PDB file of N, CA and C in Angstrom:
ATOM      1  N   UNK A   1       4.759  22.024 -19.079  1.00  0.00           N
ATOM      2  CA  UNK A   1       5.746  22.051 -20.120  1.00  0.00           C
ATOM      3  C   UNK A   1       5.174  21.661 -21.475  1.00  0.00           C
ATOM      4  N   UNK A   2       4.109  20.884 -21.461  1.00  0.00           N
ATOM      5  CA  UNK A   2       3.520  20.424 -22.719  1.00  0.00           C
ATOM      6  C   UNK A   2       1.986  20.371 -22.602  1.00  0.00           C
ATOM      7  N   UNK A   3       1.377  21.530 -22.322  1.00  0.00           N
ATOM      8  CA  UNK A   3      -0.066  21.553 -22.040  1.00  0.00           C
ATOM      9  C   UNK A   3      -0.952  21.196 -23.225  1.00  0.00           C
ATOM     10  N   UNK A   4      -0.435  21.264 -24.441  1.00  0.00           N
ATOM     11  CA  UNK A   4      -1.253  20.871 -25.591  1.00  0.00           C
ATOM     12  C   UNK A   4      -1.501  19.371 -25.624  1.00  0.00           C
ATOM     13  N   UNK A   5      -0.630  18.609 -24.950  1.00  0.00           N
ATOM     14  CA  UNK A   5      -0.726  17.152 -25.014  1.00  0.00           C
ATOM     15  C   UNK A   5      -0.999  16.508 -23.662  1.00  0.00           C
ATOM     16  N   UNK A   6      -0.308  16.921 -22.627  1.00  0.00           N
ATOM     17  CA  UNK A   6      -0.498  16.346 -21.292  1.00  0.00           C
ATOM     18  C   UNK A   6      -1.414  17.265 -20.503  1.00  0.00           C
ATOM     19  N   UNK A   7      -2.574  16.773 -20.151  1.00  0.00           N
ATOM     20  CA  UNK A   7      -3.572  17.576 -19.441  1.00  0.00           C
ATOM     21  C   UNK A   7      -3.453  17.439 -17.932  1.00  0.00           C
ATOM     22  N   UNK A   8      -2.879  16.332 -17.475  1.00  0.00           N
ATOM     23  CA  UNK A   8      -2.704  16.133 -16.046  1.00  0.00           C
ATOM     24  C   UNK A   8      -2.202  14.741 -15.744  1.00  0.00           C
ATOM     25  N   UNK A   9      -1.546  14.624 -14.592  1.00  0.00           N
ATOM     26  CA  UNK A   9      -1.051  13.340 -14.106  1.00  0.00           C
ATOM     27  C   UNK A   9      -1.399  13.262 -12.631  1.00  0.00           C
ATOM     28  N   UNK A  10      -2.073  12.202 -12.242  1.00  0.00           N
ATOM     29  CA  UNK A  10      -2.459  12.018 -10.840  1.00  0.00           C
ATOM     30  C   UNK A  10      -1.854  10.734 -10.300  1.00  0.00           C
ATOM     31  N   UNK A  11      -1.345  10.819  -9.088  1.00  0.00           N
ATOM     32  CA  UNK A  11      -0.826   9.639  -8.410  1.00  0.00           C
ATOM     33  C   UNK A  11      -2.008   8.813  -7.921  1.00  0.00           C
ATOM     34  N   UNK A  12      -2.052   7.565  -8.326  1.00  0.00           N
ATOM     35  CA  UNK A  12      -3.153   6.669  -7.947  1.00  0.00           C
ATOM     36  C   UNK A  12      -2.781   5.812  -6.739  1.00  0.00           C
ATOM     37  N   UNK A  13      -1.505   5.357  -6.699  1.00  0.00           N
ATOM     38  CA  UNK A  13      -1.066   4.493  -5.616  1.00  0.00           C
ATOM     39  C   UNK A  13       0.448   4.607  -5.488  1.00  0.00           C
ATOM     40  N   UNK A  14       0.954   4.596  -4.260  1.00  0.00           N
ATOM     41  CA  UNK A  14       2.394   4.649  -4.029  1.00  0.00           C
ATOM     42  C   UNK A  14       2.892   6.069  -3.870  1.00  0.00           C
ATOM     43  N   UNK A  15       4.177   6.271  -4.199  1.00  0.00           N
ATOM     44  CA  UNK A  15       4.818   7.572  -4.088  1.00  0.00           C
ATOM     45  C   UNK A  15       5.365   7.986  -5.444  1.00  0.00           C
ATOM     46  N   UNK A  16       5.374   9.302  -5.704  1.00  0.00           N
ATOM     47  CA  UNK A  16       5.900   9.812  -6.964  1.00  0.00           C
ATOM     48  C   UNK A  16       7.327   9.321  -7.191  1.00  0.00           C
ATOM     49  N   UNK A  17       7.597   8.837  -8.386  1.00  0.00           N
ATOM     50  CA  UNK A  17       8.939   8.484  -8.796  1.00  0.00           C
ATOM     51  C   UNK A  17       9.525   7.251  -8.155  1.00  0.00           C
ATOM     52  N   UNK A  18       8.678   6.359  -7.646  1.00  0.00           N
ATOM     53  CA  UNK A  18       9.135   5.139  -6.984  1.00  0.00           C
ATOM     54  C   UNK A  18       8.639   3.927  -7.787  1.00  0.00           C
ATOM     55  N   UNK A  19       9.512   2.937  -7.976  1.00  0.00           N
ATOM     56  CA  UNK A  19       9.107   1.715  -8.665  1.00  0.00           C
ATOM     57  C   UNK A  19       7.882   1.126  -7.961  1.00  0.00           C
ATOM     58  N   UNK A  20       6.908   0.744  -8.747  1.00  0.00           N
ATOM     59  CA  UNK A  20       5.668   0.182  -8.216  1.00  0.00           C
ATOM     60  C   UNK A  20       4.554   1.202  -8.067  1.00  0.00           C
ATOM     61  N   UNK A  21       4.887   2.489  -8.141  1.00  0.00           N
ATOM     62  CA  UNK A  21       3.840   3.506  -8.023  1.00  0.00           C
ATOM     63  C   UNK A  21       2.993   3.518  -9.293  1.00  0.00           C
ATOM     64  N   UNK A  22       1.724   3.877  -9.119  1.00  0.00           N
ATOM     65  CA  UNK A  22       0.772   3.883 -10.229  1.00  0.00           C
ATOM     66  C   UNK A  22       0.259   5.304 -10.413  1.00  0.00           C
ATOM     67  N   UNK A  23       0.288   5.768 -11.656  1.00  0.00           N
ATOM     68  CA  UNK A  23      -0.224   7.100 -11.966  1.00  0.00           C
ATOM     69  C   UNK A  23      -1.198   7.006 -13.136  1.00  0.00           C
ATOM     70  N   UNK A  24      -2.049   8.020 -13.223  1.00  0.00           N
ATOM     71  CA  UNK A  24      -3.037   8.107 -14.289  1.00  0.00           C
ATOM     72  C   UNK A  24      -2.754   9.382 -15.073  1.00  0.00           C
ATOM     73  N   UNK A  25      -2.519   9.214 -16.360  1.00  0.00           N
ATOM     74  CA  UNK A  25      -2.194  10.322 -17.251  1.00  0.00           C
ATOM     75  C   UNK A  25      -3.426  10.674 -18.080  1.00  0.00           C
ATOM     76  N   UNK A  26      -3.766  11.948 -18.129  1.00  0.00           N
ATOM     77  CA  UNK A  26      -4.810  12.459 -19.012  1.00  0.00           C
ATOM     78  C   UNK A  26      -4.088  13.218 -20.123  1.00  0.00           C
ATOM     79  N   UNK A  27      -4.325  12.820 -21.369  1.00  0.00           N
ATOM     80  CA  UNK A  27      -3.572  13.395 -22.471  1.00  0.00           C
ATOM     81  C   UNK A  27      -4.437  13.493 -23.715  1.00  0.00           C
ATOM     82  N   UNK A  28      -3.946  14.249 -24.699  1.00  0.00           N
ATOM     83  CA  UNK A  28      -4.618  14.382 -25.982  1.00  0.00           C
ATOM     84  C   UNK A  28      -3.803  13.630 -27.022  1.00  0.00           C
ATOM     85  N   UNK A  29      -4.473  12.737 -27.736  1.00  0.00           N
ATOM     86  CA  UNK A  29      -3.813  11.935 -28.777  1.00  0.00           C
ATOM     87  C   UNK A  29      -4.751  11.842 -29.969  1.00  0.00           C
ATOM     88  N   UNK A  30      -4.249  12.200 -31.130  1.00  0.00           N
ATOM     89  CA  UNK A  30      -5.064  12.207 -32.352  1.00  0.00           C
ATOM     90  C   UNK A  30      -6.329  13.043 -32.176  1.00  0.00           C
ATOM     91  N   UNK A  31      -6.197  14.155 -31.452  1.00  0.00           N
ATOM     92  CA  UNK A  31      -7.312  15.078 -31.257  1.00  0.00           C
ATOM     93  C   UNK A  31      -8.361  14.630 -30.255  1.00  0.00           C
ATOM     94  N   UNK A  32      -8.104  13.536 -29.533  1.00  0.00           N
ATOM     95  CA  UNK A  32      -9.071  13.023 -28.564  1.00  0.00           C
ATOM     96  C   UNK A  32      -8.461  12.987 -27.177  1.00  0.00           C
ATOM     97  N   UNK A  33      -9.278  13.280 -26.180  1.00  0.00           N
ATOM     98  CA  UNK A  33      -8.846  13.181 -24.789  1.00  0.00           C
ATOM     99  C   UNK A  33      -8.798  11.703 -24.412  1.00  0.00           C
ATOM    100  N   UNK A  34      -7.668  11.279 -23.836  1.00  0.00           N
ATOM    101  CA  UNK A  34      -7.497   9.874 -23.467  1.00  0.00           C
ATOM    102  C   UNK A  34      -6.887   9.762 -22.080  1.00  0.00           C
ATOM    103  N   UNK A  35      -6.906   8.528 -21.565  1.00  0.00           N
ATOM    104  CA  UNK A  35      -6.364   8.229 -20.244  1.00  0.00           C
ATOM    105  C   UNK A  35      -5.454   7.014 -20.362  1.00  0.00           C
ATOM    106  N   UNK A  36      -4.346   7.050 -19.621  1.00  0.00           N
ATOM    107  CA  UNK A  36      -3.472   5.880 -19.519  1.00  0.00           C
ATOM    108  C   UNK A  36      -3.104   5.694 -18.056  1.00  0.00           C
ATOM    109  N   UNK A  37      -3.375   4.519 -17.547  1.00  0.00           N
ATOM    110  CA  UNK A  37      -2.982   4.157 -16.186  1.00  0.00           C
ATOM    111  C   UNK A  37      -1.718   3.327 -16.311  1.00  0.00           C
ATOM    112  N   UNK A  38      -0.695   3.687 -15.542  1.00  0.00           N
ATOM    113  CA  UNK A  38       0.590   3.021 -15.701  1.00  0.00           C
ATOM    114  C   UNK A  38       1.284   2.811 -14.370  1.00  0.00           C
ATOM    115  N   UNK A  39       2.147   1.813 -14.358  1.00  0.00           N
ATOM    116  CA  UNK A  39       2.953   1.518 -13.179  1.00  0.00           C
ATOM    117  C   UNK A  39       4.422   1.662 -13.579  1.00  0.00           C
ATOM    118  N   UNK A  40       5.217   2.233 -12.696  1.00  0.00           N
ATOM    119  CA  UNK A  40       6.657   2.320 -12.949  1.00  0.00           C
ATOM    120  C   UNK A  40       7.262   0.958 -12.653  1.00  0.00           C
ATOM    121  N   UNK A  41       7.880   0.358 -13.670  1.00  0.00           N
ATOM    122  CA  UNK A  41       8.496  -0.962 -13.514  1.00  0.00           C
ATOM    123  C   UNK A  41       9.981  -0.883 -13.184  1.00  0.00           C
ATOM    124  N   UNK A  42      10.645   0.168 -13.670  1.00  0.00           N
ATOM    125  CA  UNK A  42      12.091   0.265 -13.458  1.00  0.00           C
ATOM    126  C   UNK A  42      12.518   1.715 -13.492  1.00  0.00           C
ATOM    127  N   UNK A  43      13.440   2.056 -12.604  1.00  0.00           N
ATOM    128  CA  UNK A  43      14.122   3.346 -12.625  1.00  0.00           C
ATOM    129  C   UNK A  43      15.600   3.051 -12.438  1.00  0.00           C
ATOM    130  N   UNK A  44      16.414   3.523 -13.372  1.00  0.00           N
ATOM    131  CA  UNK A  44      17.863   3.378 -13.267  1.00  0.00           C
ATOM    132  C   UNK A  44      18.455   4.777 -13.407  1.00  0.00           C
ATOM    133  N   UNK A  45      18.758   5.393 -12.270  1.00  0.00           N
ATOM    134  CA  UNK A  45      19.252   6.776 -12.279  1.00  0.00           C
ATOM    135  C   UNK A  45      20.601   6.894 -12.967  1.00  0.00           C
ATOM    136  N   UNK A  46      21.469   5.911 -12.795  1.00  0.00           N
ATOM    137  CA  UNK A  46      22.783   5.962 -13.444  1.00  0.00           C
ATOM    138  C   UNK A  46      22.657   5.933 -14.964  1.00  0.00           C
ATOM    139  N   UNK A  47      21.766   5.115 -15.470  1.00  0.00           N
ATOM    140  CA  UNK A  47      21.561   5.013 -16.923  1.00  0.00           C
ATOM    141  C   UNK A  47      20.567   6.047 -17.434  1.00  0.00           C
ATOM    142  N   UNK A  48      19.944   6.814 -16.519  1.00  0.00           N
ATOM    143  CA  UNK A  48      18.913   7.792 -16.869  1.00  0.00           C
ATOM    144  C   UNK A  48      17.800   7.119 -17.670  1.00  0.00           C
ATOM    145  N   UNK A  49      17.223   6.096 -17.059  1.00  0.00           N
ATOM    146  CA  UNK A  49      16.231   5.265 -17.727  1.00  0.00           C
ATOM    147  C   UNK A  49      15.039   5.055 -16.800  1.00  0.00           C
ATOM    148  N   UNK A  50      13.852   5.097 -17.383  1.00  0.00           N
ATOM    149  CA  UNK A  50      12.635   4.739 -16.648  1.00  0.00           C
ATOM    150  C   UNK A  50      11.754   3.907 -17.577  1.00  0.00           C
ATOM    151  N   UNK A  51      11.107   2.884 -16.993  1.00  0.00           N
ATOM    152  CA  UNK A  51      10.233   1.999 -17.770  1.00  0.00           C
ATOM    153  C   UNK A  51       8.858   1.958 -17.107  1.00  0.00           C
ATOM    154  N   UNK A  52       7.841   2.157 -17.944  1.00  0.00           N
ATOM    155  CA  UNK A  52       6.450   2.135 -17.498  1.00  0.00           C
ATOM    156  C   UNK A  52       5.704   0.992 -18.173  1.00  0.00           C
ATOM    157  N   UNK A  53       4.772   0.403 -17.441  1.00  0.00           N
ATOM    158  CA  UNK A  53       3.868  -0.587 -18.017  1.00  0.00           C
ATOM    159  C   UNK A  53       2.463  -0.002 -17.975  1.00  0.00           C
ATOM    160  N   UNK A  54       1.811   0.049 -19.127  1.00  0.00           N
ATOM    161  CA  UNK A  54       0.438   0.535 -19.195  1.00  0.00           C
ATOM    162  C   UNK A  54      -0.466  -0.569 -18.663  1.00  0.00           C
ATOM    163  N   UNK A  55      -1.312  -0.221 -17.678  1.00  0.00           N
ATOM    164  CA  UNK A  55      -2.186  -1.218 -17.060  1.00  0.00           C
ATOM    165  C   UNK A  55      -3.666  -0.857 -17.193  1.00  0.00           C
ATOM    166  N   UNK A  56      -3.948   0.261 -17.870  1.00  0.00           N
ATOM    167  CA  UNK A  56      -5.338   0.659 -18.070  1.00  0.00           C
ATOM    168  C   UNK A  56      -5.437   1.813 -19.044  1.00  0.00           C
ATOM    169  N   UNK A  57      -6.635   2.035 -19.554  1.00  0.00           N
ATOM    170  CA  UNK A  57      -6.866   3.139 -20.472  1.00  0.00           C
ATOM    171  C   UNK A  57      -7.020   2.688 -21.911  1.00  0.00           C
ATOM    172  N   UNK A  58      -7.184   3.683 -22.787  1.00  0.00           N
ATOM    173  CA  UNK A  58      -7.486   3.411 -24.190  1.00  0.00           C
ATOM    174  C   UNK A  58      -6.393   2.638 -24.928  1.00  0.00           C
ATOM    175  N   UNK A  59      -5.155   2.789 -24.535  1.00  0.00           N
ATOM    176  CA  UNK A  59      -4.073   2.070 -25.228  1.00  0.00           C
ATOM    177  C   UNK A  59      -4.324   0.556 -25.205  1.00  0.00           C
ATOM    178  N   UNK A  60      -4.864   0.075 -24.094  1.00  0.00           N
ATOM    179  CA  UNK A  60      -5.097  -1.367 -23.971  1.00  0.00           C
ATOM    180  C   UNK A  60      -6.343  -1.840 -24.717  1.00  0.00           C
ATOM    181  N   UNK A  61      -7.028  -0.910 -25.391  1.00  0.00           N
ATOM    182  CA  UNK A  61      -8.115  -1.327 -26.272  1.00  0.00           C
ATOM    183  C   UNK A  61      -7.566  -1.930 -27.563  1.00  0.00           C
ATOM    184  N   UNK A  62      -6.284  -1.638 -27.867  1.00  0.00           N
ATOM    185  CA  UNK A  62      -5.671  -2.145 -29.094  1.00  0.00           C
ATOM    186  C   UNK A  62      -4.499  -3.093 -28.835  1.00  0.00           C
ATOM    187  N   UNK A  63      -3.958  -3.059 -27.616  1.00  0.00           N
ATOM    188  CA  UNK A  63      -2.762  -3.841 -27.327  1.00  0.00           C
ATOM    189  C   UNK A  63      -2.959  -4.695 -26.084  1.00  0.00           C
ATOM    190  N   UNK A  64      -2.485  -5.940 -26.145  1.00  0.00           N
ATOM    191  CA  UNK A  64      -2.532  -6.834 -24.981  1.00  0.00           C
ATOM    192  C   UNK A  64      -1.599  -6.337 -23.895  1.00  0.00           C
ATOM    193  N   UNK A  65      -0.433  -5.860 -24.315  1.00  0.00           N
ATOM    194  CA  UNK A  65       0.543  -5.309 -23.377  1.00  0.00           C
ATOM    195  C   UNK A  65       1.243  -4.142 -24.046  1.00  0.00           C
ATOM    196  N   UNK A  66       1.670  -3.192 -23.209  1.00  0.00           N
ATOM    197  CA  UNK A  66       2.330  -2.002 -23.743  1.00  0.00           C
ATOM    198  C   UNK A  66       3.296  -1.481 -22.697  1.00  0.00           C
ATOM    199  N   UNK A  67       4.595  -1.518 -23.029  1.00  0.00           N
ATOM    200  CA  UNK A  67       5.652  -1.001 -22.159  1.00  0.00           C
ATOM    201  C   UNK A  67       6.309   0.180 -22.849  1.00  0.00           C
ATOM    202  N   UNK A  68       6.634   1.202 -22.066  1.00  0.00           N
ATOM    203  CA  UNK A  68       7.309   2.382 -22.587  1.00  0.00           C
ATOM    204  C   UNK A  68       8.600   2.567 -21.793  1.00  0.00           C
ATOM    205  N   UNK A  69       9.724   2.655 -22.510  1.00  0.00           N
ATOM    206  CA  UNK A  69      11.011   2.926 -21.882  1.00  0.00           C
ATOM    207  C   UNK A  69      11.512   4.268 -22.394  1.00  0.00           C
ATOM    208  N   UNK A  70      11.935   5.115 -21.461  1.00  0.00           N
ATOM    209  CA  UNK A  70      12.514   6.409 -21.804  1.00  0.00           C
ATOM    210  C   UNK A  70      13.944   6.410 -21.284  1.00  0.00           C
ATOM    211  N   UNK A  71      14.876   6.713 -22.181  1.00  0.00           N
ATOM    212  CA  UNK A  71      16.295   6.729 -21.825  1.00  0.00           C
ATOM    213  C   UNK A  71      16.895   8.051 -22.312  1.00  0.00           C
ATOM    214  N   UNK A  72      17.694   8.683 -21.454  1.00  0.00           N
ATOM    215  CA  UNK A  72      18.378   9.916 -21.822  1.00  0.00           C
ATOM    216  C   UNK A  72      19.875   9.653 -21.814  1.00  0.00           C
ATOM    217  N   UNK A  73      20.503   9.937 -22.952  1.00  0.00           N
ATOM    218  CA  UNK A  73      21.950   9.807 -23.088  1.00  0.00           C
ATOM    219  C   UNK A  73      22.521  11.222 -23.128  1.00  0.00           C
ATOM    220  N   UNK A  74      23.393  11.548 -22.176  1.00  0.00           N
ATOM    221  CA  UNK A  74      23.937  12.894 -22.064  1.00  0.00           C
ATOM    222  C   UNK A  74      25.403  12.909 -22.466  1.00  0.00           C
ATOM    223  N   UNK A  75      25.731  13.849 -23.347  1.00  0.00           N
ATOM    224  CA  UNK A  75      27.121  14.089 -23.748  1.00  0.00           C
ATOM    225  C   UNK A  75      27.349  15.590 -23.675  1.00  0.00           C
ATOM    226  N   UNK A  76      28.103  16.011 -22.650  1.00  0.00           N
ATOM    227  CA  UNK A  76      28.287  17.446 -22.442  1.00  0.00           C
ATOM    228  C   UNK A  76      26.961  18.078 -22.087  1.00  0.00           C
ATOM    229  N   UNK A  77      26.569  19.089 -22.859  1.00  0.00           N
ATOM    230  CA  UNK A  77      25.283  19.749 -22.623  1.00  0.00           C
ATOM    231  C   UNK A  77      24.182  19.209 -23.529  1.00  0.00           C
ATOM    232  N   UNK A  78      24.514  18.220 -24.337  1.00  0.00           N
ATOM    233  CA  UNK A  78      23.544  17.630 -25.255  1.00  0.00           C
ATOM    234  C   UNK A  78      22.876  16.422 -24.608  1.00  0.00           C
ATOM    235  N   UNK A  79      21.562  16.317 -24.803  1.00  0.00           N
ATOM    236  CA  UNK A  79      20.791  15.173 -24.314  1.00  0.00           C
ATOM    237  C   UNK A  79      20.058  14.531 -25.480  1.00  0.00           C
ATOM    238  N   UNK A  80      20.205  13.227 -25.606  1.00  0.00           N
ATOM    239  CA  UNK A  80      19.486  12.460 -26.617  1.00  0.00           C
ATOM    240  C   UNK A  80      18.455  11.607 -25.886  1.00  0.00           C
ATOM    241  N   UNK A  81      17.185  11.834 -26.194  1.00  0.00           N
ATOM    242  CA  UNK A  81      16.096  11.099 -25.553  1.00  0.00           C
ATOM    243  C   UNK A  81      15.619  10.004 -26.504  1.00  0.00           C
ATOM    244  N   UNK A  82      15.574   8.774 -25.997  1.00  0.00           N
ATOM    245  CA  UNK A  82      15.108   7.637 -26.780  1.00  0.00           C
ATOM    246  C   UNK A  82      13.865   7.051 -26.122  1.00  0.00           C
ATOM    247  N   UNK A  83      12.800   6.951 -26.884  1.00  0.00           N
ATOM    248  CA  UNK A  83      11.568   6.302 -26.444  1.00  0.00           C
ATOM    249  C   UNK A  83      11.508   4.942 -27.130  1.00  0.00           C
ATOM    250  N   UNK A  84      11.235   3.908 -26.361  1.00  0.00           N
ATOM    251  CA  UNK A  84      11.096   2.568 -26.919  1.00  0.00           C
ATOM    252  C   UNK A  84       9.757   1.985 -26.469  1.00  0.00           C
ATOM    253  N   UNK A  85       9.009   1.461 -27.425  1.00  0.00           N
ATOM    254  CA  UNK A  85       7.749   0.788 -27.129  1.00  0.00           C
ATOM    255  C   UNK A  85       7.946  -0.712 -27.318  1.00  0.00           C
ATOM    256  N   UNK A  86       7.493  -1.487 -26.351  1.00  0.00           N
ATOM    257  CA  UNK A  86       7.382  -2.941 -26.475  1.00  0.00           C
ATOM    258  C   UNK A  86       5.898  -3.243 -26.321  1.00  0.00           C
ATOM    259  N   UNK A  87       5.316  -3.864 -27.323  1.00  0.00           N
ATOM    260  CA  UNK A  87       3.867  -4.053 -27.296  1.00  0.00           C
ATOM    261  C   UNK A  87       3.475  -5.338 -28.011  1.00  0.00           C
ATOM    262  N   UNK A  88       2.285  -5.805 -27.649  1.00  0.00           N
ATOM    263  CA  UNK A  88       1.684  -6.947 -28.331  1.00  0.00           C
ATOM    264  C   UNK A  88       0.290  -6.520 -28.763  1.00  0.00           C
ATOM    265  N   UNK A  89       0.039  -6.592 -30.053  1.00  0.00           N
ATOM    266  CA  UNK A  89      -1.257  -6.199 -30.599  1.00  0.00           C
ATOM    267  C   UNK A  89      -2.331  -7.207 -30.194  1.00  0.00           C
ATOM    268  N   UNK A  90      -3.560  -6.721 -30.067  1.00  0.00           N
ATOM    269  CA  UNK A  90      -4.681  -7.621 -29.789  1.00  0.00           C
ATOM    270  C   UNK A  90      -4.935  -8.540 -30.968  1.00  0.00           C
ATOM    271  N   UNK A  91      -4.733  -8.009 -32.190  1.00  0.00           N
ATOM    272  CA  UNK A  91      -4.892  -8.821 -33.398  1.00  0.00           C
ATOM    273  C   UNK A  91      -4.117  -8.164 -34.543  1.00  0.00           C
ATOM    274  N   UNK A  92      -4.054  -8.838 -35.675  1.00  0.00           N
ATOM    275  CA  UNK A  92      -3.262  -8.372 -36.818  1.00  0.00           C
ATOM    276  C   UNK A  92      -3.797  -7.094 -37.456  1.00  0.00           C
ATOM    277  N   UNK A  93      -5.069  -6.773 -37.230  1.00  0.00           N
ATOM    278  CA  UNK A  93      -5.641  -5.573 -37.850  1.00  0.00           C
ATOM    279  C   UNK A  93      -5.257  -4.286 -37.095  1.00  0.00           C
ATOM    280  N   UNK A  94      -4.657  -4.414 -35.928  1.00  0.00           N
ATOM    281  CA  UNK A  94      -4.238  -3.248 -35.144  1.00  0.00           C
ATOM    282  C   UNK A  94      -2.973  -2.659 -35.754  1.00  0.00           C
ATOM    283  N   UNK A  95      -2.975  -1.339 -35.933  1.00  0.00           N
ATOM    284  CA  UNK A  95      -1.801  -0.654 -36.469  1.00  0.00           C
ATOM    285  C   UNK A  95      -0.688  -0.583 -35.435  1.00  0.00           C
ATOM    286  N   UNK A  96       0.531  -0.427 -35.935  1.00  0.00           N
ATOM    287  CA  UNK A  96       1.645  -0.135 -35.036  1.00  0.00           C
ATOM    288  C   UNK A  96       1.390   1.243 -34.405  1.00  0.00           C
ATOM    289  N   UNK A  97       1.940   1.494 -33.231  1.00  0.00           N
ATOM    290  CA  UNK A  97       1.636   2.742 -32.507  1.00  0.00           C
ATOM    291  C   UNK A  97       2.442   3.955 -32.996  1.00  0.00           C
ATOM    292  N   UNK A  98       2.493   4.154 -34.312  1.00  0.00           N
ATOM    293  CA  UNK A  98       3.270   5.254 -34.870  1.00  0.00           C
ATOM    294  C   UNK A  98       2.778   6.625 -34.410  1.00  0.00           C
ATOM    295  N   UNK A  99       1.469   6.799 -34.326  1.00  0.00           N
ATOM    296  CA  UNK A  99       0.958   8.111 -33.896  1.00  0.00           C
ATOM    297  C   UNK A  99       1.269   8.364 -32.421  1.00  0.00           C
ATOM    298  N   UNK A 100       1.356   7.310 -31.610  1.00  0.00           N
ATOM    299  CA  UNK A 100       1.788   7.481 -30.219  1.00  0.00           C
ATOM    300  C   UNK A 100       3.261   7.882 -30.158  1.00  0.00           C
ATOM    301  N   UNK A 101       4.070   7.325 -31.043  1.00  0.00           N
ATOM    302  CA  UNK A 101       5.479   7.706 -31.094  1.00  0.00           C
ATOM    303  C   UNK A 101       5.606   9.166 -31.525  1.00  0.00           C
ATOM    304  N   UNK A 102       4.783   9.589 -32.493  1.00  0.00           N
ATOM    305  CA  UNK A 102       4.778  10.995 -32.901  1.00  0.00           C
ATOM    306  C   UNK A 102       4.415  11.896 -31.723  1.00  0.00           C
ATOM    307  N   UNK A 103       3.452  11.463 -30.921  1.00  0.00           N
ATOM    308  CA  UNK A 103       3.073  12.227 -29.733  1.00  0.00           C
ATOM    309  C   UNK A 103       4.255  12.346 -28.772  1.00  0.00           C
ATOM    310  N   UNK A 104       4.982  11.271 -28.564  1.00  0.00           N
ATOM    311  CA  UNK A 104       6.149  11.305 -27.677  1.00  0.00           C
ATOM    312  C   UNK A 104       7.211  12.269 -28.193  1.00  0.00           C
ATOM    313  N   UNK A 105       7.401  12.301 -29.498  1.00  0.00           N
ATOM    314  CA  UNK A 105       8.350  13.232 -30.094  1.00  0.00           C
ATOM    315  C   UNK A 105       7.920  14.678 -29.835  1.00  0.00           C
ATOM    316  N   UNK A 106       6.645  14.970 -30.024  1.00  0.00           N
ATOM    317  CA  UNK A 106       6.141  16.332 -29.770  1.00  0.00           C
ATOM    318  C   UNK A 106       6.293  16.709 -28.298  1.00  0.00           C
ATOM    319  N   UNK A 107       6.007  15.773 -27.413  1.00  0.00           N
ATOM    320  CA  UNK A 107       6.165  16.038 -25.972  1.00  0.00           C
ATOM    321  C   UNK A 107       7.624  16.319 -25.645  1.00  0.00           C
ATOM    322  N   UNK A 108       8.529  15.521 -26.205  1.00  0.00           N
ATOM    323  CA  UNK A 108       9.956  15.715 -25.964  1.00  0.00           C
ATOM    324  C   UNK A 108      10.398  17.096 -26.446  1.00  0.00           C
ATOM    325  N   UNK A 109       9.943  17.506 -27.615  1.00  0.00           N
ATOM    326  CA  UNK A 109      10.295  18.834 -28.144  1.00  0.00           C
ATOM    327  C   UNK A 109       9.739  19.945 -27.264  1.00  0.00           C
ATOM    328  N   UNK A 110       8.511  19.778 -26.770  1.00  0.00           N
ATOM    329  CA  UNK A 110       7.929  20.777 -25.857  1.00  0.00           C
ATOM    330  C   UNK A 110       8.754  20.903 -24.580  1.00  0.00           C
ATOM    331  N   UNK A 111       9.160  19.779 -24.030  1.00  0.00           N
ATOM    332  CA  UNK A 111       9.969  19.799 -22.806  1.00  0.00           C
ATOM    333  C   UNK A 111      11.311  20.472 -23.078  1.00  0.00           C
ATOM    334  N   UNK A 112      11.928  20.147 -24.201  1.00  0.00           N
ATOM    335  CA  UNK A 112      13.194  20.781 -24.567  1.00  0.00           C
ATOM    336  C   UNK A 112      13.020  22.291 -24.694  1.00  0.00           C
ATOM    337  N   UNK A 113      11.989  22.733 -25.407  1.00  0.00           N
ATOM    338  CA  UNK A 113      11.751  24.163 -25.570  1.00  0.00           C
ATOM    339  C   UNK A 113      11.494  24.853 -24.237  1.00  0.00           C
ATOM    340  N   UNK A 114      10.803  24.182 -23.331  1.00  0.00           N
ATOM    341  CA  UNK A 114      10.549  24.732 -21.997  1.00  0.00           C
ATOM    342  C   UNK A 114      11.872  24.968 -21.263  1.00  0.00           C
ATOM    343  N   UNK A 115      12.755  23.981 -21.301  1.00  0.00           N
ATOM    344  CA  UNK A 115      14.036  24.100 -20.607  1.00  0.00           C
ATOM    345  C   UNK A 115      14.952  25.121 -21.279  1.00  0.00           C
ATOM    346  N   UNK A 116      14.927  25.196 -22.602  1.00  0.00           N
ATOM    347  CA  UNK A 116      15.735  26.192 -23.300  1.00  0.00           C
ATOM    348  C   UNK A 116      15.270  27.604 -22.965  1.00  0.00           C
ATOM    349  N   UNK A 117      13.942  27.799 -22.879  1.00  0.00           N
ATOM    350  CA  UNK A 117      13.412  29.122 -22.543  1.00  0.00           C
ATOM    351  C   UNK A 117      13.811  29.527 -21.130  1.00  0.00           C
ATOM    352  N   UNK A 118      13.841  28.573 -20.211  1.00  0.00           N
ATOM    353  CA  UNK A 118      14.232  28.872 -18.822  1.00  0.00           C
ATOM    354  C   UNK A 118      15.711  29.227 -18.706  1.00  0.00           C
ATOM    355  N   UNK A 119      16.553  28.650 -19.591  1.00  0.00           N
ATOM    356  CA  UNK A 119      17.994  28.885 -19.474  1.00  0.00           C
ATOM    357  C   UNK A 119      18.421  30.185 -20.146  1.00  0.00           C
ATOM    358  N   UNK A 120      17.542  30.796 -20.936  1.00  0.00           N
ATOM    359  CA  UNK A 120      17.873  32.072 -21.626  1.00  0.00           C
ATOM    360  C   UNK A 120      17.495  33.267 -20.819  1.00  0.00           C
TER     361      UNK A 120
END
């Protein structure tokens, strides 16, 4: 759905879509190939929410901790996707993860376009 940014996702431990499972994401960010190892910390199907904790990869070169929460709010046929980052910088010279947020926005738009193309 978003091959320009997500190159692959491999299950490292556990089962797909289960809290505690660990996956490794290969992605392109700022024109560079990167890796993020993450564990699913929470899944709430009723709230349409999933929370990941980054436990390895380049993101942790700049941040002590990095959590990503994705929430989908549905009203009729409209879906509003909210990405939330909770992070602690390694030091004050580290920038906020704005370019990572931009990447999430592009991924969300790619997924939306994929689903719109399938429904037409």
